Amino acid sequence: MSDSTNPVIDRQEDYPVEFAFLFADWLGKPAWMWLGFLAIVVALLVFDLGVLHRDHREIEVRESLVLSSGYIGLGLAFGGLVWWQLGAEAGMNYVTGFVVEKTLALDNVFVIALIFSFFAVPRKYQHRVLFWGILGVIVLRAIMIGVGAMLVAEFSWVLYIFAAFLIFTGIKMLWIGDKDPEIGNNPVISFLKSRFKVTDEHHGPHFFVRKPDPRTGKTVRFMTPLFMALVMVEIADVIFAVDSVPAIFAITTDPFIVYTSNIFAILGLRALYFALAAMIHRFQHLKPALAIVLVFIGGKVFVADLLGLEKFPAALSLGITFAIIAGGIVWSIVRTRSQPRAIGDVPHP
């Protein structure tokens, strides 16, 4: 399903026949749009790992902010392309999805900081975990969004289930609140430790090392705490995707806009993590705003039906979402201006 159409993307007859595959339909959009997006993502990842962070080192707050600004700029520029190719409604839906995903992911930063603290991941290796984690995110989100798109296309009532789930989740966040997860009691950690050999200490940037087994003396492969942290980061993303994927589908059912806005928001979040981790205590009171956003996004699906609208106006949705999030950020910063850090620095090696 597409938010709008634009003849710019449909002029297949203007190109040689050997390029016909570029106009093949992939989930409602021509292949060249998907391939172009994937090329941008791959180029960014190669530039990040091969140029910016070839060596393992700590990423300072200033560098984090500069990189994040660049990613946000690229994400919004891509939104401009979406606007140009698919129309104003699609462009506004992309920006709304981008802003919602970026903000909901702030909760993920809290959990990642706890994971790094629990496993005592040295700061200079944290980027390595986040980099490989984003590769898993790209695949996992593609699967979840692909399944969601097929369900919505085949059974339109699934969208109402997504909307009801968002309302329920938002109300739960408002009235019950969320406690910090107890990383040490996670069953995944217990499972990994019971099924695999795990070292007690870090071995530099390595996820696995070969060393003598204390019981047999044979050299075997051991899993390091760095890999355990990577597994937990991936699981955390899956859990948070349960909220964010239905949220974006309640904004638009176009798989291209859903996926691209999600991935651009997450790419930028990885760069922003190191700055956010240093001032994470300033966002302690943002959660009520996130809860209200979820309730609003879920509720507007039902409101549109009650008002006899095909869709809730995209411009109004973007404006209300931005206002709620901006208000929550300002309120949280004001409330925490005299508070100390809530989460300590991750220990240095």
Protein backbone atom coordinates (compact mmCIF):
# COMPACT_ATOMS: atom_id res chain seq x y z
CA MET A 1 0.00 0.00 0.00
CA SER A 2 1.34 3.44 -0.86
CA ASP A 3 0.50 6.83 0.60
CA SER A 4 0.55 8.50 -2.78
CA THR A 5 1.82 8.13 -6.28
CA ASN A 6 4.01 10.31 -8.43
CA PRO A 7 4.60 9.93 -12.16
CA VAL A 8 8.32 10.59 -11.61
CA ILE A 9 8.76 7.01 -10.38
CA ASP A 10 6.67 5.38 -13.10
CA ARG A 11 8.35 6.43 -16.36
CA GLN A 12 9.79 3.01 -17.15
CA GLU A 13 9.31 3.55 -20.89
CA ASP A 14 11.89 6.36 -20.83
CA TYR A 15 14.74 3.92 -20.12
CA PRO A 16 16.42 1.06 -22.05
CA VAL A 17 14.89 -2.39 -21.64
CA GLU A 18 17.99 -3.71 -19.85
CA PHE A 19 17.12 -1.44 -16.93
CA ALA A 20 13.57 -2.76 -16.67
CA PHE A 21 14.40 -4.68 -13.47
CA LEU A 22 14.93 -1.35 -11.71
CA PHE A 23 11.23 -0.67 -12.11
CA ALA A 24 10.05 -4.06 -10.83
CA ASP A 25 7.61 -3.69 -7.98
CA TRP A 26 9.05 -4.33 -4.51
CA LEU A 27 6.38 -3.93 -1.83
CA GLY A 28 4.65 -1.14 -3.69
CA LYS A 29 7.73 0.77 -4.84
CA PRO A 30 10.08 0.36 -7.82
CA ALA A 31 13.25 -1.60 -7.12
CA TRP A 32 15.50 1.40 -7.75
CA MET A 33 14.10 3.20 -4.71
CA TRP A 34 14.86 0.27 -2.42
CA LEU A 35 18.28 -0.32 -3.96
CA GLY A 36 19.13 3.37 -3.67
CA PHE A 37 18.19 3.39 0.01
CA LEU A 38 20.20 0.22 0.73
CA ALA A 39 23.20 1.68 -1.14
CA ILE A 40 23.10 4.75 1.11
CA VAL A 41 22.93 2.60 4.26
CA VAL A 42 25.83 0.37 3.14
CA ALA A 43 27.92 3.42 2.21
CA LEU A 44 27.29 4.98 5.64
CA LEU A 45 28.24 1.77 7.47
CA VAL A 46 31.42 1.29 5.40
CA PHE A 47 32.41 4.93 5.95
CA ASP A 48 31.71 4.60 9.68
CA LEU A 49 33.71 1.42 10.23
CA GLY A 50 36.39 1.82 7.56
CA VAL A 51 37.17 5.53 7.91
CA LEU A 52 35.79 7.14 11.06
CA HIS A 53 36.32 4.28 13.50
CA ARG A 54 38.99 2.07 11.99
CA ASP A 55 40.76 1.99 15.34
CA HIS A 56 39.11 1.17 18.67
CA ARG A 57 38.87 4.35 20.72
CA GLU A 58 36.55 6.27 22.97
CA ILE A 59 34.02 8.50 21.26
CA GLU A 60 33.73 11.85 22.98
CA VAL A 61 30.50 13.78 23.42
CA ARG A 62 31.47 16.44 20.88
CA GLU A 63 32.20 13.87 18.17
CA SER A 64 28.99 12.05 19.03
CA LEU A 65 26.94 15.21 18.59
CA VAL A 66 28.63 16.10 15.30
CA LEU A 67 28.09 12.60 13.87
CA SER A 68 24.51 12.50 15.08
CA SER A 69 23.80 15.89 13.49
CA GLY A 70 25.11 14.50 10.22
CA TYR A 71 22.91 11.41 10.44
CA ILE A 72 19.86 13.49 11.32
CA GLY A 73 20.59 15.77 8.39
CA LEU A 74 20.87 12.79 6.04
CA GLY A 75 17.69 11.28 7.43
CA LEU A 76 15.75 14.50 6.89
CA ALA A 77 17.31 14.95 3.43
CA PHE A 78 16.07 11.48 2.51
CA GLY A 79 12.68 12.60 3.78
CA GLY A 80 12.93 15.48 1.31
CA LEU A 81 13.49 12.95 -1.48
CA VAL A 82 10.46 10.99 -0.31
CA TRP A 83 8.44 14.22 -0.37
CA TRP A 84 9.64 15.01 -3.90
CA GLN A 85 9.06 11.51 -5.29
CA LEU A 86 5.90 10.46 -3.45
CA GLY A 87 4.20 13.71 -2.47
CA ALA A 88 3.66 15.89 0.59
CA GLU A 89 1.58 13.36 2.56
CA ALA A 90 4.22 10.66 2.19
CA GLY A 91 6.95 13.14 3.13
CA MET A 92 5.15 14.20 6.30
CA ASN A 93 4.47 10.58 7.23
CA TYR A 94 8.17 9.83 6.82
CA VAL A 95 9.17 12.74 9.07
CA THR A 96 6.56 11.74 11.67
CA GLY A 97 7.84 8.16 11.66
CA PHE A 98 11.44 9.37 11.86
CA VAL A 99 10.70 11.63 14.86
CA VAL A 100 8.62 8.98 16.67
CA GLU A 101 11.20 6.23 16.17
CA LYS A 102 14.06 8.50 17.22
CA THR A 103 12.22 9.49 20.40
CA LEU A 104 10.98 6.02 21.32
CA ALA A 105 14.53 4.78 20.89
CA LEU A 106 15.63 7.02 23.78
CA ASP A 107 14.25 4.32 26.07
CA ASN A 108 16.58 1.91 24.32
CA VAL A 109 19.53 4.11 25.31
CA PHE A 110 18.71 3.60 28.98
CA VAL A 111 18.75 -0.17 28.54
CA ILE A 112 21.94 -0.21 26.43
CA ALA A 113 23.68 1.89 29.10
CA LEU A 114 22.62 -0.66 31.72
CA ILE A 115 23.85 -3.53 29.55
CA PHE A 116 27.26 -1.91 29.02
CA SER A 117 27.50 -1.19 32.74
CA PHE A 118 26.54 -4.74 33.74
CA PHE A 119 29.13 -6.31 31.43
CA ALA A 120 31.68 -3.57 32.22
CA VAL A 121 32.22 -2.94 28.51
CA PRO A 122 35.16 -0.52 28.10
CA ARG A 123 34.10 2.71 26.42
CA LYS A 124 36.50 2.24 23.51
CA TYR A 125 34.76 -1.04 22.55
CA GLN A 126 31.18 0.16 22.93
CA HIS A 127 31.04 1.48 19.37
CA ARG A 128 32.03 -1.99 18.09
CA VAL A 129 29.02 -3.54 19.84
CA LEU A 130 26.69 -0.83 18.55
CA PHE A 131 28.04 -1.08 15.00
CA TRP A 132 27.48 -4.83 14.71
CA GLY A 133 24.23 -4.42 16.56
CA ILE A 134 22.90 -2.11 13.84
CA LEU A 135 23.46 -4.82 11.22
CA GLY A 136 21.19 -7.10 13.21
CA VAL A 137 18.66 -4.29 13.54
CA ILE A 138 18.55 -3.78 9.76
CA VAL A 139 17.71 -7.46 9.22
CA LEU A 140 15.35 -7.88 12.18
CA ARG A 141 13.37 -4.73 11.40
CA ALA A 142 13.11 -5.79 7.74
CA ILE A 143 11.58 -9.11 8.82
CA MET A 144 9.18 -7.53 11.34
CA ILE A 145 8.09 -4.76 8.96
CA GLY A 146 7.73 -7.20 6.06
CA VAL A 147 5.49 -9.48 8.13
CA GLY A 148 3.53 -6.49 9.43
CA ALA A 149 3.03 -5.13 5.90
CA MET A 150 1.73 -8.49 4.65
CA LEU A 151 -0.66 -8.80 7.60
CA VAL A 152 -2.04 -5.28 7.11
CA ALA A 153 -2.40 -5.82 3.35
CA GLU A 154 -4.23 -9.14 3.77
CA PHE A 155 -6.20 -8.32 6.92
CA SER A 156 -6.91 -4.61 7.28
CA TRP A 157 -8.33 -5.16 10.79
CA VAL A 158 -4.80 -5.95 12.02
CA LEU A 159 -4.16 -2.20 11.96
CA TYR A 160 -6.80 -1.78 14.67
CA ILE A 161 -5.03 -4.39 16.79
CA PHE A 162 -1.80 -2.42 16.40
CA ALA A 163 -3.64 0.78 17.38
CA ALA A 164 -5.28 -0.83 20.43
CA PHE A 165 -1.91 -2.25 21.50
CA LEU A 166 -0.33 1.21 21.31
CA ILE A 167 -3.10 2.74 23.40
CA PHE A 168 -2.77 -0.02 26.00
CA THR A 169 1.02 0.33 26.09
CA GLY A 170 0.80 4.11 26.45
CA ILE A 171 -1.71 3.91 29.30
CA LYS A 172 0.43 1.29 31.02
CA MET A 173 3.49 3.56 30.76
CA LEU A 174 1.49 6.46 32.20
CA TRP A 175 -0.09 4.74 35.16
CA ILE A 176 2.21 1.86 35.99
CA GLY A 177 5.57 3.08 34.76
CA ASP A 178 8.54 0.98 33.73
CA LYS A 179 11.24 -0.29 36.04
CA ASP A 180 14.81 -0.64 34.94
CA PRO A 181 15.32 -4.22 33.71
CA GLU A 182 17.39 -6.51 35.93
CA ILE A 183 20.06 -7.49 33.43
CA GLY A 184 21.63 -10.13 35.68
CA ASN A 185 18.38 -12.08 36.00
CA ASN A 186 17.74 -12.25 32.27
CA PRO A 187 17.11 -15.87 31.19
CA VAL A 188 19.10 -15.35 27.98
CA ILE A 189 22.27 -14.73 30.00
CA SER A 190 21.63 -17.83 32.09
CA PHE A 191 21.04 -19.87 28.93
CA LEU A 192 24.25 -18.68 27.25
CA LYS A 193 26.33 -19.34 30.35
CA SER A 194 24.86 -22.83 30.73
CA ARG A 195 25.29 -23.83 27.07
CA PHE A 196 28.54 -22.11 26.09
CA LYS A 197 31.94 -21.46 27.56
CA VAL A 198 32.13 -17.80 28.59
CA THR A 199 35.19 -15.92 29.82
CA ASP A 200 34.97 -13.85 32.99
CA GLU A 201 37.07 -11.04 31.54
CA HIS A 202 37.17 -9.04 28.32
CA HIS A 203 39.71 -9.87 25.62
CA GLY A 204 40.05 -6.56 23.85
CA PRO A 205 37.64 -6.11 20.92
CA HIS A 206 37.12 -9.87 20.43
CA PHE A 207 33.71 -11.51 20.61
CA PHE A 208 35.28 -14.98 20.78
CA VAL A 209 38.71 -16.23 21.87
CA ARG A 210 40.47 -19.57 21.90
CA LYS A 211 42.00 -20.61 25.21
CA PRO A 212 42.62 -23.81 27.23
CA ASP A 213 39.58 -25.36 28.89
CA PRO A 214 40.26 -25.44 32.68
CA ARG A 215 38.72 -28.92 32.92
CA THR A 216 40.26 -30.69 29.92
CA GLY A 217 43.26 -28.55 29.05
CA LYS A 218 42.24 -28.55 25.38
CA THR A 219 42.15 -25.28 23.47
CA VAL A 220 38.54 -24.40 22.75
CA ARG A 221 36.50 -21.39 21.70
CA PHE A 222 35.16 -19.16 24.47
CA MET A 223 32.50 -16.48 24.24
CA THR A 224 33.51 -13.13 25.74
CA PRO A 225 31.35 -10.66 27.74
CA LEU A 226 31.55 -8.35 24.71
CA PHE A 227 29.54 -10.84 22.65
CA MET A 228 27.10 -11.33 25.53
CA ALA A 229 26.55 -7.57 25.52
CA LEU A 230 25.92 -7.67 21.74
CA VAL A 231 23.31 -10.40 22.16
CA MET A 232 21.52 -8.40 24.88
CA VAL A 233 21.57 -5.23 22.75
CA GLU A 234 19.93 -7.16 19.88
CA ILE A 235 17.28 -8.57 22.21
CA ALA A 236 16.61 -5.10 23.60
CA ASP A 237 15.97 -3.83 20.07
CA VAL A 238 13.51 -6.63 19.35
CA ILE A 239 11.61 -5.75 22.52
CA PHE A 240 11.49 -2.06 21.66
CA ALA A 241 10.50 -2.84 18.08
CA VAL A 242 7.29 -4.36 19.47
CA ASP A 243 6.25 -0.77 20.29
CA SER A 244 7.91 1.18 17.48
CA VAL A 245 6.86 -0.99 14.51
CA PRO A 246 3.11 -0.85 15.31
CA ALA A 247 3.53 2.88 15.98
CA ILE A 248 4.86 3.59 12.50
CA PHE A 249 2.23 1.34 10.88
CA ALA A 250 -0.42 3.43 12.66
CA ILE A 251 1.11 6.46 10.91
CA THR A 252 1.46 4.91 7.45
CA THR A 253 1.11 1.44 5.98
CA ASP A 254 3.62 2.09 3.18
CA PRO A 255 6.45 -0.45 3.83
CA PHE A 256 9.02 1.82 2.15
CA ILE A 257 8.29 4.75 4.44
CA VAL A 258 8.00 2.49 7.49
CA TYR A 259 11.37 0.82 6.90
CA THR A 260 13.40 3.80 5.71
CA SER A 261 12.26 6.09 8.54
CA ASN A 262 13.00 3.33 11.08
CA ILE A 263 16.50 2.60 9.80
CA PHE A 264 17.55 6.23 9.39
CA ALA A 265 16.38 6.98 12.93
CA ILE A 266 18.29 4.01 14.34
CA LEU A 267 21.47 4.77 12.38
CA GLY A 268 21.54 8.23 13.90
CA LEU A 269 20.77 6.95 17.38
CA ARG A 270 23.90 4.80 17.40
CA ALA A 271 25.98 7.90 16.72
CA LEU A 272 24.07 9.87 19.35
CA TYR A 273 24.36 7.19 22.03
CA PHE A 274 27.62 8.45 23.51
CA ALA A 275 26.28 11.97 23.98
CA LEU A 276 22.95 10.72 25.36
CA ALA A 277 24.68 8.31 27.76
CA ALA A 278 26.54 11.26 29.26
CA MET A 279 23.34 13.21 29.95
CA ILE A 280 20.77 10.44 30.15
CA HIS A 281 19.65 11.63 33.57
CA ARG A 282 18.24 14.78 31.94
CA PHE A 283 15.58 12.72 30.15
CA GLN A 284 14.17 10.87 33.16
CA HIS A 285 10.77 12.59 32.83
CA LEU A 286 10.38 12.09 29.08
CA LYS A 287 8.54 8.78 29.43
CA PRO A 288 5.07 10.35 30.06
CA ALA A 289 5.43 12.24 26.77
CA LEU A 290 6.36 9.01 24.97
CA ALA A 291 3.30 7.35 26.52
CA ILE A 292 1.04 10.17 25.31
CA VAL A 293 2.54 9.88 21.81
CA LEU A 294 1.70 6.16 21.72
CA VAL A 295 -1.86 6.83 22.88
CA PHE A 296 -2.27 9.60 20.29
CA ILE A 297 -0.86 7.53 17.40
CA GLY A 298 -3.06 4.56 18.30
CA GLY A 299 -6.10 6.73 18.98
CA LYS A 300 -5.97 8.65 15.70
CA VAL A 301 -6.65 5.40 13.81
CA PHE A 302 -10.01 5.10 15.56
CA VAL A 303 -10.68 8.86 15.41
CA ALA A 304 -10.24 8.87 11.64
CA ASP A 305 -12.88 6.14 11.34
CA LEU A 306 -15.29 7.91 13.69
CA LEU A 307 -14.97 11.12 11.66
CA GLY A 308 -15.40 9.25 8.38
CA LEU A 309 -11.89 10.15 7.20
CA GLU A 310 -9.83 7.86 5.00
CA LYS A 311 -6.75 8.88 7.01
CA PHE A 312 -5.94 11.23 9.84
CA PRO A 313 -4.40 14.39 8.27
CA ALA A 314 -0.64 13.86 7.99
CA ALA A 315 0.24 17.50 8.71
CA LEU A 316 -1.89 17.55 11.87
CA SER A 317 -0.41 14.22 13.01
CA LEU A 318 3.14 15.53 12.55
CA GLY A 319 2.37 18.79 14.36
CA ILE A 320 0.74 17.13 17.37
CA THR A 321 3.46 14.47 17.65
CA PHE A 322 6.24 17.06 17.49
CA ALA A 323 4.49 19.29 20.05
CA ILE A 324 4.09 16.41 22.54
CA ILE A 325 7.71 15.29 22.21
CA ALA A 326 9.11 18.84 22.35
CA GLY A 327 7.02 19.57 25.43
CA GLY A 328 8.23 16.37 27.10
CA ILE A 329 11.89 17.18 26.40
CA VAL A 330 11.57 20.71 27.76
CA TRP A 331 9.70 19.51 30.86
CA SER A 332 12.28 16.79 31.55
CA ILE A 333 15.23 19.17 31.17
CA VAL A 334 13.61 21.71 33.51
CA ARG A 335 12.79 19.06 36.12
CA THR A 336 16.30 17.57 36.13
CA ARG A 337 18.45 20.70 35.87
CA SER A 338 19.70 20.31 39.47
CA GLN A 339 19.80 16.49 39.62
CA PRO A 340 23.00 14.41 39.52
CA ARG A 341 23.58 11.65 37.01
CA ALA A 342 21.28 8.67 37.53
CA ILE A 343 23.47 6.15 35.70
CA GLY A 344 27.15 6.06 36.38
CA ASP A 345 29.84 6.00 33.75
CA VAL A 346 30.71 2.61 32.40
CA PRO A 347 34.04 1.60 33.95
CA HIS A 348 37.16 2.21 31.94
CA PRO A 349 39.49 -0.70 31.23
